[in-house]
Amino acid sequence: MPNIKVISKRRPSRVDAKASITLLISNNYIAIFPSVFSFIFWNMSIRAIGISQAGIFLNLIPVFTAIISWI
C-alpha cells in the first residue's frame, strides 16, 4: 500500500483555535466532573447506609456518571 501524505495549504484560523478550546473544555467537563461527583455521592451513600448496603449499588456509578455528563 503506498504511503499517501495529505498536505493542506490552509493555515489554522482563530475559529479553529476557538473550536479546539471549546472542545477541550467540554471534554474535560464530561470526563472530570461526572466522575468526581459520582464518587462523591458514592462516599456519601456509604456514610449514610453503610458499606454492605451501598455495595449493591456499586455498578450504578457508570450509569450516574453518564446521566450527570448528559446534564
Protein backbone atom coordinates (compact mmCIF):
# COMPACT_ATOMS: atom_id res chain seq x y z
CA MET A 1 0.00 0.00 0.00
CA PRO A 2 1.53 3.36 -0.98
CA ASN A 3 2.27 5.91 1.67
CA ILE A 4 -0.02 8.89 0.88
CA LYS A 5 0.55 12.24 2.53
CA VAL A 6 -2.17 14.85 2.63
CA ILE A 7 -0.81 18.36 2.73
CA SER A 8 -3.11 21.26 3.40
CA LYS A 9 -2.03 24.74 2.45
CA ARG A 10 -4.71 26.24 4.65
CA ARG A 11 -3.44 27.78 7.86
CA PRO A 12 -5.40 27.30 11.08
CA SER A 13 -7.68 30.24 11.74
CA ARG A 14 -8.84 31.72 15.01
CA VAL A 15 -12.15 29.93 14.55
CA ASP A 16 -10.27 26.62 14.58
CA ALA A 17 -8.48 27.67 17.76
CA LYS A 18 -11.78 28.61 19.42
CA ALA A 19 -13.32 25.34 18.38
CA SER A 20 -10.44 23.38 19.82
CA ILE A 21 -10.55 25.33 23.11
CA THR A 22 -14.31 24.76 23.33
CA LEU A 23 -13.79 21.09 22.56
CA LEU A 24 -11.13 20.82 25.24
CA ILE A 25 -13.32 22.46 27.86
CA SER A 26 -16.34 20.32 27.01
CA ASN A 27 -14.31 17.12 27.03
CA ASN A 28 -12.85 18.00 30.42
CA TYR A 29 -16.34 18.71 31.73
CA ILE A 30 -17.60 15.35 30.53
CA ALA A 31 -14.54 13.46 31.78
CA ILE A 32 -13.84 15.07 35.14
CA PHE A 33 -16.98 16.44 36.79
CA PRO A 34 -19.38 13.50 36.40
CA SER A 35 -16.77 11.01 37.58
CA VAL A 36 -15.84 13.12 40.58
CA PHE A 37 -19.46 13.77 41.55
CA SER A 38 -20.39 10.10 41.16
CA PHE A 39 -17.69 9.05 43.60
CA ILE A 40 -18.57 11.87 46.00
CA PHE A 41 -22.20 10.67 46.00
CA TRP A 42 -20.94 7.09 46.43
CA ASN A 43 -18.97 8.09 49.53
CA MET A 44 -21.97 9.98 50.88
CA SER A 45 -24.14 6.89 50.43
CA ILE A 46 -21.58 4.73 52.24
CA ARG A 47 -21.65 7.16 55.12
CA ALA A 48 -25.47 7.18 55.16
CA ILE A 49 -26.40 3.49 54.72
CA GLY A 50 -23.19 1.55 55.32
CA ILE A 51 -20.83 -0.34 53.07
CA SER A 52 -22.78 -3.61 52.95
CA GLN A 53 -25.93 -1.98 51.59
CA ALA A 54 -24.08 0.53 49.40
CA GLY A 55 -22.10 -2.26 47.72
CA ILE A 56 -25.27 -3.40 45.98
CA PHE A 57 -25.34 -0.14 44.03
CA LEU A 58 -21.63 -0.07 43.06
CA ASN A 59 -22.41 -0.95 39.44
CA LEU A 60 -24.63 2.10 39.12
CA ILE A 61 -21.67 4.53 39.29
CA PRO A 62 -21.16 4.47 35.48
CA VAL A 63 -24.88 4.99 34.94
CA PHE A 64 -24.97 8.07 37.15
CA THR A 65 -21.72 9.30 35.56
CA ALA A 66 -23.41 9.17 32.16
CA ILE A 67 -26.53 10.93 33.47
CA ILE A 68 -24.55 13.72 35.13
CA SER A 69 -22.43 14.25 32.00
CA TRP A 70 -25.59 14.43 29.88
CA ILE A 71 -26.98 17.21 32.09
